[in-house]
All heavy atoms as atom14 arrays in JSON, in Angstrom:
{
  "sequence": "SVKGRFTISRDNADNTVHLQMNSLKPEDTAVYYCAA",
  "atom14_mask": [
    [1, 1, 1, 1, 1, 1, 0, 0, 0, 0, 0, 0, 0, 0],
    [1, 1, 1, 1, 1, 1, 1, 0, 0, 0, 0, 0, 0, 0],
    [1, 1, 1, 1, 1, 1, 1, 1, 1, 0, 0, 0, 0, 0],
    [1, 1, 1, 1, 0, 0, 0, 0, 0, 0, 0, 0, 0, 0],
    [1, 1, 1, 1, 1, 1, 1, 1, 1, 1, 1, 0, 0, 0],
    [1, 1, 1, 1, 1, 1, 1, 1, 1, 1, 1, 0, 0, 0],
    [1, 1, 1, 1, 1, 1, 1, 0, 0, 0, 0, 0, 0, 0],
    [1, 1, 1, 1, 1, 1, 1, 1, 0, 0, 0, 0, 0, 0],
    [1, 1, 1, 1, 1, 1, 0, 0, 0, 0, 0, 0, 0, 0],
    [1, 1, 1, 1, 1, 1, 1, 1, 1, 1, 1, 0, 0, 0],
    [1, 1, 1, 1, 1, 1, 1, 1, 0, 0, 0, 0, 0, 0],
    [1, 1, 1, 1, 1, 1, 1, 1, 0, 0, 0, 0, 0, 0],
    [1, 1, 1, 1, 1, 0, 0, 0, 0, 0, 0, 0, 0, 0],
    [1, 1, 1, 1, 1, 1, 1, 1, 0, 0, 0, 0, 0, 0],
    [1, 1, 1, 1, 1, 1, 1, 1, 0, 0, 0, 0, 0, 0],
    [1, 1, 1, 1, 1, 1, 1, 0, 0, 0, 0, 0, 0, 0],
    [1, 1, 1, 1, 1, 1, 1, 0, 0, 0, 0, 0, 0, 0],
    [1, 1, 1, 1, 1, 1, 1, 1, 1, 1, 0, 0, 0, 0],
    [1, 1, 1, 1, 1, 1, 1, 1, 0, 0, 0, 0, 0, 0],
    [1, 1, 1, 1, 1, 1, 1, 1, 1, 0, 0, 0, 0, 0],
    [1, 1, 1, 1, 1, 1, 1, 1, 0, 0, 0, 0, 0, 0],
    [1, 1, 1, 1, 1, 1, 1, 1, 0, 0, 0, 0, 0, 0],
    [1, 1, 1, 1, 1, 1, 0, 0, 0, 0, 0, 0, 0, 0],
    [1, 1, 1, 1, 1, 1, 1, 1, 0, 0, 0, 0, 0, 0],
    [1, 1, 1, 1, 1, 1, 1, 1, 1, 0, 0, 0, 0, 0],
    [1, 1, 1, 1, 1, 1, 1, 0, 0, 0, 0, 0, 0, 0],
    [1, 1, 1, 1, 1, 1, 1, 1, 1, 0, 0, 0, 0, 0],
    [1, 1, 1, 1, 1, 1, 1, 1, 0, 0, 0, 0, 0, 0],
    [1, 1, 1, 1, 1, 1, 1, 0, 0, 0, 0, 0, 0, 0],
    [1, 1, 1, 1, 1, 0, 0, 0, 0, 0, 0, 0, 0, 0],
    [1, 1, 1, 1, 1, 1, 1, 0, 0, 0, 0, 0, 0, 0],
    [1, 1, 1, 1, 1, 1, 1, 1, 1, 1, 1, 1, 0, 0],
    [1, 1, 1, 1, 1, 1, 1, 1, 1, 1, 1, 1, 0, 0],
    [1, 1, 1, 1, 1, 1, 0, 0, 0, 0, 0, 0, 0, 0],
    [1, 1, 1, 1, 1, 0, 0, 0, 0, 0, 0, 0, 0, 0],
    [1, 1, 1, 1, 1, 0, 0, 0, 0, 0, 0, 0, 0, 0]
  ],
  "atom14_positions": [
    [[-16.03, -8.48, -1.58], [-16.95, -7.89, -0.6], [-16.72, -8.41, 0.82], [-17.19, -7.79, 1.78], [-18.39, -8.15, -1.01], [-18.64, -9.54, -1.13], [0.0, 0.0, 0.0], [0.0, 0.0, 0.0], [0.0, 0.0, 0.0], [0.0, 0.0, 0.0], [0.0, 0.0, 0.0], [0.0, 0.0, 0.0], [0.0, 0.0, 0.0], [0.0, 0.0, 0.0]],
    [[-16.01, -9.53, 0.96], [-15.81, -10.1, 2.3], [-14.34, -10.18, 2.7], [-14.03, -10.57, 3.83], [-16.44, -11.51, 2.41], [-17.91, -11.47, 2.0], [-15.67, -12.54, 1.61], [0.0, 0.0, 0.0], [0.0, 0.0, 0.0], [0.0, 0.0, 0.0], [0.0, 0.0, 0.0], [0.0, 0.0, 0.0], [0.0, 0.0, 0.0], [0.0, 0.0, 0.0]],
    [[-13.44, -9.8, 1.81], [-12.0, -9.87, 2.12], [-11.69, -9.03, 3.34], [-12.13, -7.89, 3.46], [-11.19, -9.37, 0.92], [-10.9, -10.43, -0.1], [-10.07, -9.89, -1.25], [-9.91, -10.95, -2.33], [-9.25, -10.42, -3.54], [0.0, 0.0, 0.0], [0.0, 0.0, 0.0], [0.0, 0.0, 0.0], [0.0, 0.0, 0.0], [0.0, 0.0, 0.0]],
    [[-10.91, -9.61, 4.25], [-10.53, -8.91, 5.46], [-11.53, -9.05, 6.59], [-11.24, -8.69, 7.73], [0.0, 0.0, 0.0], [0.0, 0.0, 0.0], [0.0, 0.0, 0.0], [0.0, 0.0, 0.0], [0.0, 0.0, 0.0], [0.0, 0.0, 0.0], [0.0, 0.0, 0.0], [0.0, 0.0, 0.0], [0.0, 0.0, 0.0], [0.0, 0.0, 0.0]],
    [[-12.72, -9.58, 6.27], [-13.75, -9.75, 7.3], [-14.08, -11.23, 7.55], [-14.38, -11.62, 8.67], [-15.04, -9.02, 6.89], [-14.87, -7.52, 6.72], [-16.24, -6.84, 6.52], [-16.92, -7.3, 5.32], [-18.15, -7.83, 5.32], [-18.8, -7.97, 6.45], [-18.72, -8.19, 4.18], [0.0, 0.0, 0.0], [0.0, 0.0, 0.0], [0.0, 0.0, 0.0]],
    [[-14.03, -12.03, 6.48], [-14.38, -13.44, 6.59], [-13.12, -14.3, 6.46], [-12.19, -13.95, 5.73], [-15.35, -13.84, 5.47], [-16.73, -13.28, 5.58], [-17.05, -12.26, 6.48], [-17.74, -13.76, 4.76], [-18.34, -11.74, 6.57], [-19.04, -13.25, 4.84], [-19.32, -12.24, 5.74], [0.0, 0.0, 0.0], [0.0, 0.0, 0.0], [0.0, 0.0, 0.0]],
    [[-13.13, -15.44, 7.17], [-12.01, -16.39, 7.08], [-12.57, -17.79, 6.94], [-13.4, -18.22, 7.76], [-11.12, -16.31, 8.32], [-10.62, -14.98, 8.48], [-9.95, -17.27, 8.19], [0.0, 0.0, 0.0], [0.0, 0.0, 0.0], [0.0, 0.0, 0.0], [0.0, 0.0, 0.0], [0.0, 0.0, 0.0], [0.0, 0.0, 0.0], [0.0, 0.0, 0.0]],
    [[-12.1, -18.51, 5.93], [-12.51, -19.89, 5.73], [-11.4, -20.82, 6.23], [-10.21, -20.51, 6.08], [-12.84, -20.17, 4.25], [-13.48, -21.54, 4.08], [-11.62, -20.0, 3.35], [-14.05, -21.8, 2.68], [0.0, 0.0, 0.0], [0.0, 0.0, 0.0], [0.0, 0.0, 0.0], [0.0, 0.0, 0.0], [0.0, 0.0, 0.0], [0.0, 0.0, 0.0]],
    [[-11.8, -21.93, 6.84], [-10.84, -22.92, 7.32], [-11.46, -24.3, 7.2], [-12.68, -24.43, 7.06], [-10.43, -22.62, 8.77], [-11.56, -22.68, 9.62], [0.0, 0.0, 0.0], [0.0, 0.0, 0.0], [0.0, 0.0, 0.0], [0.0, 0.0, 0.0], [0.0, 0.0, 0.0], [0.0, 0.0, 0.0], [0.0, 0.0, 0.0], [0.0, 0.0, 0.0]],
    [[-10.62, -25.33, 7.28], [-11.13, -26.69, 7.19], [-10.32, -27.61, 8.09], [-9.15, -27.34, 8.4], [-11.09, -27.2, 5.75], [-9.7, -27.43, 5.18], [-9.77, -27.81, 3.7], [-10.41, -29.1, 3.5], [-10.92, -29.49, 2.32], [-10.88, -28.69, 1.27], [-11.47, -30.69, 2.22], [0.0, 0.0, 0.0], [0.0, 0.0, 0.0], [0.0, 0.0, 0.0]],
    [[-10.96, -28.71, 8.48], [-10.3, -29.74, 9.28], [-10.58, -31.06, 8.59], [-11.69, -31.61, 8.71], [-10.86, -29.73, 10.71], [-10.14, -30.7, 11.62], [-9.49, -31.64, 11.11], [-10.23, -30.54, 12.84], [0.0, 0.0, 0.0], [0.0, 0.0, 0.0], [0.0, 0.0, 0.0], [0.0, 0.0, 0.0], [0.0, 0.0, 0.0], [0.0, 0.0, 0.0]],
    [[-9.59, -31.58, 7.88], [-9.79, -32.81, 7.12], [-9.94, -34.04, 8.01], [-10.5, -35.05, 7.59], [-8.64, -33.02, 6.13], [-8.75, -32.09, 4.92], [-9.77, -31.42, 4.72], [-7.7, -32.04, 4.12], [0.0, 0.0, 0.0], [0.0, 0.0, 0.0], [0.0, 0.0, 0.0], [0.0, 0.0, 0.0], [0.0, 0.0, 0.0], [0.0, 0.0, 0.0]],
    [[-9.44, -33.95, 9.23], [-9.59, -35.07, 10.16], [-11.02, -35.16, 10.69], [-11.48, -36.24, 11.08], [-8.63, -34.92, 11.33], [0.0, 0.0, 0.0], [0.0, 0.0, 0.0], [0.0, 0.0, 0.0], [0.0, 0.0, 0.0], [0.0, 0.0, 0.0], [0.0, 0.0, 0.0], [0.0, 0.0, 0.0], [0.0, 0.0, 0.0], [0.0, 0.0, 0.0]],
    [[-11.7, -34.02, 10.64], [-13.04, -33.92, 11.2], [-14.14, -33.8, 10.14], [-15.32, -33.75, 10.48], [-13.09, -32.64, 12.04], [-13.76, -32.87, 13.37], [-14.09, -34.03, 13.67], [-13.97, -31.87, 14.08], [0.0, 0.0, 0.0], [0.0, 0.0, 0.0], [0.0, 0.0, 0.0], [0.0, 0.0, 0.0], [0.0, 0.0, 0.0], [0.0, 0.0, 0.0]],
    [[-13.71, -33.71, 8.89], [-14.66, -33.5, 7.77], [-15.51, -32.25, 7.96], [-16.73, -32.27, 7.73], [-15.6, -34.71, 7.61], [-14.94, -35.87, 6.89], [-13.72, -35.91, 6.77], [-15.74, -36.82, 6.42], [0.0, 0.0, 0.0], [0.0, 0.0, 0.0], [0.0, 0.0, 0.0], [0.0, 0.0, 0.0], [0.0, 0.0, 0.0], [0.0, 0.0, 0.0]],
    [[-14.87, -31.16, 8.38], [-15.61, -29.93, 8.59], [-14.93, -28.74, 7.9], [-13.72, -28.73, 7.7], [-15.75, -29.59, 10.08], [-14.45, -29.56, 10.67], [-16.62, -30.6, 10.8], [0.0, 0.0, 0.0], [0.0, 0.0, 0.0], [0.0, 0.0, 0.0], [0.0, 0.0, 0.0], [0.0, 0.0, 0.0], [0.0, 0.0, 0.0], [0.0, 0.0, 0.0]],
    [[-15.74, -27.78, 7.54], [-15.26, -26.51, 7.01], [-16.02, -25.4, 7.73], [-17.2, -25.56, 8.06], [-15.44, -26.43, 5.47], [-16.9, -26.55, 5.07], [-14.83, -25.16, 4.92], [0.0, 0.0, 0.0], [0.0, 0.0, 0.0], [0.0, 0.0, 0.0], [0.0, 0.0, 0.0], [0.0, 0.0, 0.0], [0.0, 0.0, 0.0], [0.0, 0.0, 0.0]],
    [[-15.31, -24.32, 8.0], [-15.88, -23.24, 8.79], [-15.75, -21.91, 8.05], [-14.84, -21.73, 7.25], [-15.17, -23.13, 10.14], [-15.1, -24.42, 10.88], [-16.18, -24.93, 11.57], [-14.09, -25.31, 11.02], [-15.83, -26.07, 12.12], [-14.57, -26.33, 11.8], [0.0, 0.0, 0.0], [0.0, 0.0, 0.0], [0.0, 0.0, 0.0], [0.0, 0.0, 0.0]],
    [[-16.66, -21.0, 8.37], [-16.57, -19.64, 7.85], [-16.74, -18.69, 9.03], [-17.83, -18.57, 9.59], [-17.64, -19.37, 6.79], [-17.55, -18.01, 6.11], [-16.3, -17.93, 5.24], [-18.79, -17.73, 5.27], [0.0, 0.0, 0.0], [0.0, 0.0, 0.0], [0.0, 0.0, 0.0], [0.0, 0.0, 0.0], [0.0, 0.0, 0.0], [0.0, 0.0, 0.0]],
    [[-15.66, -18.06, 9.43], [-15.69, -17.05, 10.49], [-16.02, -15.71, 9.85], [-15.29, -15.24, 8.99], [-14.35, -16.98, 11.21], [-14.29, -15.92, 12.3], [-15.22, -16.21, 13.46], [-15.33, -17.36, 13.9], [-15.9, -15.19, 13.95], [0.0, 0.0, 0.0], [0.0, 0.0, 0.0], [0.0, 0.0, 0.0], [0.0, 0.0, 0.0], [0.0, 0.0, 0.0]],
    [[-17.13, -15.12, 10.28], [-17.59, -13.86, 9.7], [-17.54, -12.77, 10.76], [-18.23, -12.85, 11.78], [-19.02, -14.02, 9.16], [-19.16, -15.17, 8.18], [-20.8, -15.24, 7.42], [-21.8, -15.67, 8.83], [0.0, 0.0, 0.0], [0.0, 0.0, 0.0], [0.0, 0.0, 0.0], [0.0, 0.0, 0.0], [0.0, 0.0, 0.0], [0.0, 0.0, 0.0]],
    [[-16.71, -11.78, 10.54], [-16.57, -10.65, 11.46], [-17.08, -9.37, 10.81], [-17.2, -9.29, 9.59], [-15.11, -10.49, 11.87], [-14.56, -11.7, 12.61], [-15.29, -12.41, 13.3], [-13.27, -11.93, 12.45], [0.0, 0.0, 0.0], [0.0, 0.0, 0.0], [0.0, 0.0, 0.0], [0.0, 0.0, 0.0], [0.0, 0.0, 0.0], [0.0, 0.0, 0.0]],
    [[-17.32, -8.39, 11.65], [-17.77, -7.07, 11.16], [-18.91, -7.21, 10.16], [-18.89, -6.62, 9.07], [-16.59, -6.32, 10.52], [-15.52, -6.19, 11.42], [0.0, 0.0, 0.0], [0.0, 0.0, 0.0], [0.0, 0.0, 0.0], [0.0, 0.0, 0.0], [0.0, 0.0, 0.0], [0.0, 0.0, 0.0], [0.0, 0.0, 0.0], [0.0, 0.0, 0.0]],
    [[-19.91, -7.96, 10.54], [-21.02, -8.23, 9.63], [-21.79, -6.96, 9.29], [-21.94, -6.06, 10.13], [-21.94, -9.29, 10.22], [-21.4, -10.72, 10.12], [-22.09, -11.65, 11.08], [-21.56, -11.23, 8.68], [0.0, 0.0, 0.0], [0.0, 0.0, 0.0], [0.0, 0.0, 0.0], [0.0, 0.0, 0.0], [0.0, 0.0, 0.0], [0.0, 0.0, 0.0]],
    [[-22.27, -6.93, 8.05], [-23.03, -5.79, 7.54], [-24.41, -6.26, 7.11], [-24.59, -7.45, 6.79], [-22.31, -5.2, 6.33], [-20.87, -4.79, 6.57], [-20.22, -4.32, 5.29], [-18.76, -3.94, 5.51], [-18.11, -3.49, 4.25], [0.0, 0.0, 0.0], [0.0, 0.0, 0.0], [0.0, 0.0, 0.0], [0.0, 0.0, 0.0], [0.0, 0.0, 0.0]],
    [[-25.38, -5.36, 7.04], [-26.72, -5.75, 6.57], [-26.69, -6.42, 5.19], [-27.47, -7.33, 4.93], [-27.48, -4.43, 6.55], [-26.83, -3.6, 7.61], [-25.36, -3.96, 7.54], [0.0, 0.0, 0.0], [0.0, 0.0, 0.0], [0.0, 0.0, 0.0], [0.0, 0.0, 0.0], [0.0, 0.0, 0.0], [0.0, 0.0, 0.0], [0.0, 0.0, 0.0]],
    [[-25.77, -6.0, 4.34], [-25.69, -6.59, 3.0], [-25.12, -8.0, 3.0], [-25.1, -8.66, 1.96], [-24.85, -5.7, 2.06], [-23.51, -5.28, 2.62], [-23.54, -3.88, 3.25], [-24.51, -3.58, 4.0], [-22.58, -3.12, 2.99], [0.0, 0.0, 0.0], [0.0, 0.0, 0.0], [0.0, 0.0, 0.0], [0.0, 0.0, 0.0], [0.0, 0.0, 0.0]],
    [[-24.7, -8.5, 4.16], [-24.29, -9.89, 4.27], [-25.48, -10.82, 4.5], [-25.33, -12.04, 4.51], [-23.28, -10.07, 5.43], [-21.96, -9.36, 5.18], [-21.47, -9.42, 4.03], [-21.46, -8.74, 6.13], [0.0, 0.0, 0.0], [0.0, 0.0, 0.0], [0.0, 0.0, 0.0], [0.0, 0.0, 0.0], [0.0, 0.0, 0.0], [0.0, 0.0, 0.0]],
    [[-26.64, -10.24, 4.69], [-27.86, -11.03, 4.9], [-28.15, -11.9, 3.68], [-28.24, -11.4, 2.56], [-29.06, -10.11, 5.18], [-28.85, -9.45, 6.42], [-30.36, -10.91, 5.23], [0.0, 0.0, 0.0], [0.0, 0.0, 0.0], [0.0, 0.0, 0.0], [0.0, 0.0, 0.0], [0.0, 0.0, 0.0], [0.0, 0.0, 0.0], [0.0, 0.0, 0.0]],
    [[-28.26, -13.21, 3.91], [-28.47, -14.16, 2.8], [-28.6, -15.56, 3.38], [-28.33, -15.78, 4.57], [-27.3, -14.11, 1.82], [0.0, 0.0, 0.0], [0.0, 0.0, 0.0], [0.0, 0.0, 0.0], [0.0, 0.0, 0.0], [0.0, 0.0, 0.0], [0.0, 0.0, 0.0], [0.0, 0.0, 0.0], [0.0, 0.0, 0.0], [0.0, 0.0, 0.0]],
    [[-28.99, -16.49, 2.53], [-28.84, -17.91, 2.85], [-27.44, -18.32, 2.43], [-27.04, -18.08, 1.28], [-29.9, -18.76, 2.13], [-29.67, -20.24, 2.43], [-31.3, -18.34, 2.55], [0.0, 0.0, 0.0], [0.0, 0.0, 0.0], [0.0, 0.0, 0.0], [0.0, 0.0, 0.0], [0.0, 0.0, 0.0], [0.0, 0.0, 0.0], [0.0, 0.0, 0.0]],
    [[-26.71, -18.91, 3.34], [-25.33, -19.33, 3.07], [-25.29, -20.83, 2.81], [-25.82, -21.62, 3.61], [-24.42, -18.96, 4.25], [-24.08, -17.5, 4.26], [-25.04, -16.53, 4.58], [-22.8, -17.06, 3.93], [-24.73, -15.18, 4.56], [-22.47, -15.72, 3.91], [-23.44, -14.78, 4.22], [-23.14, -13.44, 4.21], [0.0, 0.0, 0.0], [0.0, 0.0, 0.0]],
    [[-24.63, -21.22, 1.72], [-24.56, -22.61, 1.3], [-23.13, -23.11, 1.34], [-22.22, -22.45, 0.85], [-25.09, -22.76, -0.12], [-26.54, -22.42, -0.29], [-26.94, -21.13, -0.61], [-27.51, -23.4, -0.13], [-28.28, -20.82, -0.78], [-28.86, -23.09, -0.29], [-29.23, -21.8, -0.61], [-30.56, -21.5, -0.76], [0.0, 0.0, 0.0], [0.0, 0.0, 0.0]],
    [[-22.97, -24.29, 1.91], [-21.7, -25.0, 1.85], [-21.63, -25.75, 0.52], [-22.65, -26.26, 0.04], [-21.65, -25.98, 3.02], [-20.14, -26.95, 3.15], [0.0, 0.0, 0.0], [0.0, 0.0, 0.0], [0.0, 0.0, 0.0], [0.0, 0.0, 0.0], [0.0, 0.0, 0.0], [0.0, 0.0, 0.0], [0.0, 0.0, 0.0], [0.0, 0.0, 0.0]],
    [[-20.45, -25.81, -0.08], [-20.31, -26.42, -1.4], [-19.04, -27.25, -1.48], [-18.01, -26.87, -0.89], [-20.28, -25.33, -2.47], [0.0, 0.0, 0.0], [0.0, 0.0, 0.0], [0.0, 0.0, 0.0], [0.0, 0.0, 0.0], [0.0, 0.0, 0.0], [0.0, 0.0, 0.0], [0.0, 0.0, 0.0], [0.0, 0.0, 0.0], [0.0, 0.0, 0.0]],
    [[-19.11, -28.35, -2.23], [-17.95, -29.23, -2.41], [-17.7, -29.42, -3.91], [-18.62, -29.73, -4.66], [-18.2, -30.57, -1.75], [0.0, 0.0, 0.0], [0.0, 0.0, 0.0], [0.0, 0.0, 0.0], [0.0, 0.0, 0.0], [0.0, 0.0, 0.0], [0.0, 0.0, 0.0], [0.0, 0.0, 0.0], [0.0, 0.0, 0.0], [0.0, 0.0, 0.0]]
  ]
}
């Protein structure tokens, strides 16, 4: 459902992970959780 619109990336030096979300749709409405 998100292929081609969302991109995940990480920076191990910074201990961060990101989710770039483009072309958002109403059905993307939700609580988003980071997971390890």
